[in-house]
Amino acid sequence: MRRFAPLVLLLAACDRPPDPDQAREWTAQDHDKAEQSGQSMPRTVGSGQNSDEMLVEMTWEENCASCHGPVGHGDGPNGPLVKAPDLTRPDWQAKVTDAEIAQQIKGGKGLMPKFDIPDGTIKGLIARIRASKGR
């Protein structure tokens, strides 16, 4: 439950009623339409991020940043204690595949626990890690 606390707070914070011209009942046919068509999810007003990016960032903050830090340098509050690697190092990134990163997230490694995170979010975390190369 702790993993989803930010999402619950985010959803609970929305106290405006939906715009009746844009809101409609969700149906099963709506599920994954953006993924199937190759389109990205709609951008959240004023955030500069779409909902998938926001979920990846919330997941990073909740599960990764305490050891790997805000960018991935291994400088989170628990980073030195668990010897968290610097995920931004080009040499580290060159020696690990996306599949290996996904396996480490799902199964854990050393002092890193396993995380039960949806595959789409894991892909987003991997993209985030790859984008931090050399930063």
C-alpha atoms as a PDB file:
ATOM      1  CA  MET A   1       0.000   0.000   0.000  1.00  0.00           C
ATOM      2  CA  ARG A   2       2.877   2.372   0.786  1.00  0.00           C
ATOM      3  CA  ARG A   3       4.008   2.219  -2.840  1.00  0.00           C
ATOM      4  CA  PHE A   4       0.708   3.597  -4.041  1.00  0.00           C
ATOM      5  CA  ALA A   5       0.276   6.280  -1.360  1.00  0.00           C
ATOM      6  CA  PRO A   6       1.398   9.148  -3.668  1.00  0.00           C
ATOM      7  CA  LEU A   7      -1.028   7.997  -6.343  1.00  0.00           C
ATOM      8  CA  VAL A   8      -3.879   7.803  -3.830  1.00  0.00           C
ATOM      9  CA  LEU A   9      -3.034  11.295  -2.574  1.00  0.00           C
ATOM     10  CA  LEU A  10      -2.840  12.611  -6.114  1.00  0.00           C
ATOM     11  CA  LEU A  11      -6.232  11.176  -6.982  1.00  0.00           C
ATOM     12  CA  ALA A  12      -7.811  12.305  -3.714  1.00  0.00           C
ATOM     13  CA  ALA A  13      -6.545  15.863  -4.265  1.00  0.00           C
ATOM     14  CA  CYS A  14      -8.690  16.362  -7.328  1.00  0.00           C
ATOM     15  CA  ASP A  15     -11.829  17.957  -5.973  1.00  0.00           C
ATOM     16  CA  ARG A  16     -13.158  19.536  -9.151  1.00  0.00           C
ATOM     17  CA  PRO A  17     -16.013  17.710 -10.850  1.00  0.00           C
ATOM     18  CA  PRO A  18     -15.205  16.458 -14.343  1.00  0.00           C
ATOM     19  CA  ASP A  19     -16.196  18.538 -17.339  1.00  0.00           C
ATOM     20  CA  PRO A  20     -19.443  16.878 -18.529  1.00  0.00           C
ATOM     21  CA  ASP A  21     -18.507  17.633 -22.151  1.00  0.00           C
ATOM     22  CA  GLN A  22     -15.275  15.612 -21.835  1.00  0.00           C
ATOM     23  CA  ALA A  23     -16.194  12.985 -19.227  1.00  0.00           C
ATOM     24  CA  ARG A  24     -17.959   9.790 -20.149  1.00  0.00           C
ATOM     25  CA  GLU A  25     -18.369   6.302 -18.759  1.00  0.00           C
ATOM     26  CA  TRP A  26     -15.284   4.098 -19.222  1.00  0.00           C
ATOM     27  CA  THR A  27     -15.864   0.931 -21.227  1.00  0.00           C
ATOM     28  CA  ALA A  28     -13.703  -2.146 -21.830  1.00  0.00           C
ATOM     29  CA  GLN A  29     -13.106  -0.959 -25.402  1.00  0.00           C
ATOM     30  CA  ASP A  30     -11.214   2.059 -24.006  1.00  0.00           C
ATOM     31  CA  HIS A  31      -8.519  -0.100 -22.391  1.00  0.00           C
ATOM     32  CA  ASP A  32      -5.037   0.211 -23.920  1.00  0.00           C
ATOM     33  CA  LYS A  33      -6.238   2.060 -27.031  1.00  0.00           C
ATOM     34  CA  ALA A  34      -3.285   4.464 -26.869  1.00  0.00           C
ATOM     35  CA  GLU A  35      -0.808   1.582 -26.574  1.00  0.00           C
ATOM     36  CA  GLN A  36      -2.422  -0.366 -29.410  1.00  0.00           C
ATOM     37  CA  SER A  37      -2.419   2.598 -31.777  1.00  0.00           C
ATOM     38  CA  GLY A  38       1.138   3.609 -30.882  1.00  0.00           C
ATOM     39  CA  GLN A  39      -0.034   6.952 -29.525  1.00  0.00           C
ATOM     40  CA  SER A  40       1.174   8.310 -26.240  1.00  0.00           C
ATOM     41  CA  MET A  41      -1.188   9.006 -23.379  1.00  0.00           C
ATOM     42  CA  PRO A  42      -2.701  12.513 -23.254  1.00  0.00           C
ATOM     43  CA  ARG A  43      -0.591  15.095 -21.475  1.00  0.00           C
ATOM     44  CA  THR A  44      -1.708  16.260 -18.052  1.00  0.00           C
ATOM     45  CA  VAL A  45      -2.684  19.930 -18.072  1.00  0.00           C
ATOM     46  CA  GLY A  46       0.141  22.118 -16.811  1.00  0.00           C
ATOM     47  CA  SER A  47       2.416  19.263 -15.753  1.00  0.00           C
ATOM     48  CA  GLY A  48       4.614  18.949 -18.833  1.00  0.00           C
ATOM     49  CA  GLN A  49       4.458  15.172 -18.313  1.00  0.00           C
ATOM     50  CA  ASN A  50       2.028  12.534 -19.443  1.00  0.00           C
ATOM     51  CA  SER A  51       0.481  10.138 -16.938  1.00  0.00           C
ATOM     52  CA  ASP A  52       2.951   7.336 -17.775  1.00  0.00           C
ATOM     53  CA  GLU A  53       5.919   9.632 -17.117  1.00  0.00           C
ATOM     54  CA  MET A  54       4.342  10.769 -13.857  1.00  0.00           C
ATOM     55  CA  LEU A  55       3.852   7.154 -12.764  1.00  0.00           C
ATOM     56  CA  VAL A  56       7.484   6.336 -13.574  1.00  0.00           C
ATOM     57  CA  GLU A  57       8.674   9.370 -11.580  1.00  0.00           C
ATOM     58  CA  MET A  58       6.450   8.486  -8.626  1.00  0.00           C
ATOM     59  CA  THR A  59       7.721   4.898  -8.746  1.00  0.00           C
ATOM     60  CA  TRP A  60      11.332   6.126  -8.848  1.00  0.00           C
ATOM     61  CA  GLU A  61      10.762   8.417  -5.867  1.00  0.00           C
ATOM     62  CA  GLU A  62       8.982   5.721  -3.858  1.00  0.00           C
ATOM     63  CA  ASN A  63      11.170   2.715  -4.651  1.00  0.00           C
ATOM     64  CA  CYS A  64      14.510   3.791  -6.120  1.00  0.00           C
ATOM     65  CA  ALA A  65      15.584   7.252  -4.956  1.00  0.00           C
ATOM     66  CA  SER A  66      16.262   6.277  -1.333  1.00  0.00           C
ATOM     67  CA  CYS A  67      19.273   4.277  -2.570  1.00  0.00           C
ATOM     68  CA  HIS A  68      20.015   5.464  -6.110  1.00  0.00           C
ATOM     69  CA  GLY A  69      19.291   9.163  -5.465  1.00  0.00           C
ATOM     70  CA  PRO A  70      17.254  11.632  -7.493  1.00  0.00           C
ATOM     71  CA  VAL A  71      19.218  11.105 -10.732  1.00  0.00           C
ATOM     72  CA  GLY A  72      20.745   7.655 -10.202  1.00  0.00           C
ATOM     73  CA  HIS A  73      24.222   8.403  -8.853  1.00  0.00           C
ATOM     74  CA  GLY A  74      23.805   6.027  -5.891  1.00  0.00           C
ATOM     75  CA  ASP A  75      23.715   9.050  -3.604  1.00  0.00           C
ATOM     76  CA  GLY A  76      20.333   8.498  -1.951  1.00  0.00           C
ATOM     77  CA  PRO A  77      20.171   8.489   1.864  1.00  0.00           C
ATOM     78  CA  ASN A  78      20.608   4.684   1.918  1.00  0.00           C
ATOM     79  CA  GLY A  79      22.961   4.536  -1.077  1.00  0.00           C
ATOM     80  CA  PRO A  80      26.264   4.266   0.801  1.00  0.00           C
ATOM     81  CA  LEU A  81      24.831   1.741   3.248  1.00  0.00           C
ATOM     82  CA  VAL A  82      23.747  -0.654   0.486  1.00  0.00           C
ATOM     83  CA  LYS A  83      26.567   0.298  -1.928  1.00  0.00           C
ATOM     84  CA  ALA A  84      24.073   1.366  -4.586  1.00  0.00           C
ATOM     85  CA  PRO A  85      25.785   1.650  -7.974  1.00  0.00           C
ATOM     86  CA  ASP A  86      25.943   4.869  -9.968  1.00  0.00           C
ATOM     87  CA  LEU A  87      23.436   4.045 -12.721  1.00  0.00           C
ATOM     88  CA  THR A  88      24.536   7.069 -14.756  1.00  0.00           C
ATOM     89  CA  ARG A  89      28.085   5.787 -15.383  1.00  0.00           C
ATOM     90  CA  PRO A  90      28.616   5.005 -19.075  1.00  0.00           C
ATOM     91  CA  ASP A  91      30.715   1.919 -18.220  1.00  0.00           C
ATOM     92  CA  TRP A  92      27.937   0.523 -16.003  1.00  0.00           C
ATOM     93  CA  GLN A  93      25.317   1.201 -18.667  1.00  0.00           C
ATOM     94  CA  ALA A  94      27.451  -0.460 -21.347  1.00  0.00           C
ATOM     95  CA  LYS A  95      27.771  -3.709 -19.422  1.00  0.00           C
ATOM     96  CA  VAL A  96      24.107  -4.194 -18.475  1.00  0.00           C
ATOM     97  CA  THR A  97      21.216  -4.931 -20.843  1.00  0.00           C
ATOM     98  CA  ASP A  98      17.664  -3.667 -20.500  1.00  0.00           C
ATOM     99  CA  ALA A  99      16.567  -7.245 -19.771  1.00  0.00           C
ATOM    100  CA  GLU A 100      19.107  -7.474 -16.932  1.00  0.00           C
ATOM    101  CA  ILE A 101      17.896  -4.193 -15.434  1.00  0.00           C
ATOM    102  CA  ALA A 102      14.295  -5.430 -15.629  1.00  0.00           C
ATOM    103  CA  GLN A 103      15.278  -8.715 -13.955  1.00  0.00           C
ATOM    104  CA  GLN A 104      17.055  -6.859 -11.142  1.00  0.00           C
ATOM    105  CA  ILE A 105      13.987  -4.698 -10.533  1.00  0.00           C
ATOM    106  CA  LYS A 106      11.650  -7.704 -10.558  1.00  0.00           C
ATOM    107  CA  GLY A 107      13.858 -10.147  -8.680  1.00  0.00           C
ATOM    108  CA  GLY A 108      16.159  -7.958  -6.607  1.00  0.00           C
ATOM    109  CA  LYS A 109      19.925  -8.203  -6.357  1.00  0.00           C
ATOM    110  CA  GLY A 110      22.142  -8.192  -3.292  1.00  0.00           C
ATOM    111  CA  LEU A 111      20.569  -5.827  -0.777  1.00  0.00           C
ATOM    112  CA  MET A 112      18.087  -4.518  -3.359  1.00  0.00           C
ATOM    113  CA  PRO A 113      14.659  -6.075  -2.741  1.00  0.00           C
ATOM    114  CA  LYS A 114      12.450  -7.302  -5.532  1.00  0.00           C
ATOM    115  CA  PHE A 115       9.667  -4.981  -6.639  1.00  0.00           C
ATOM    116  CA  ASP A 116       6.250  -5.946  -7.949  1.00  0.00           C
ATOM    117  CA  ILE A 117       5.957  -3.233 -10.590  1.00  0.00           C
ATOM    118  CA  PRO A 118       3.974  -3.474 -13.852  1.00  0.00           C
ATOM    119  CA  ASP A 119       6.035  -4.174 -16.976  1.00  0.00           C
ATOM    120  CA  GLY A 120       5.134  -0.828 -18.567  1.00  0.00           C
ATOM    121  CA  THR A 121       6.441   1.043 -15.550  1.00  0.00           C
ATOM    122  CA  ILE A 122       9.606  -1.077 -15.526  1.00  0.00           C
ATOM    123  CA  LYS A 123      10.162  -0.120 -19.182  1.00  0.00           C
ATOM    124  CA  GLY A 124       9.740   3.518 -18.168  1.00  0.00           C
ATOM    125  CA  LEU A 125      12.253   3.105 -15.327  1.00  0.00           C
ATOM    126  CA  ILE A 126      14.749   1.544 -17.740  1.00  0.00           C
ATOM    127  CA  ALA A 127      14.254   4.459 -20.172  1.00  0.00           C
ATOM    128  CA  ARG A 128      14.786   6.861 -17.267  1.00  0.00           C
ATOM    129  CA  ILE A 129      18.002   5.094 -16.291  1.00  0.00           C
ATOM    130  CA  ARG A 130      19.252   5.086 -19.898  1.00  0.00           C
ATOM    131  CA  ALA A 131      18.443   8.802 -20.245  1.00  0.00           C
ATOM    132  CA  SER A 132      20.569   9.579 -17.169  1.00  0.00           C
ATOM    133  CA  LYS A 133      23.757   8.222 -18.809  1.00  0.00           C
ATOM    134  CA  GLY A 134      26.642  10.590 -18.152  1.00  0.00           C
ATOM    135  CA  ARG A 135      24.584  13.082 -16.138  1.00  0.00           C
END
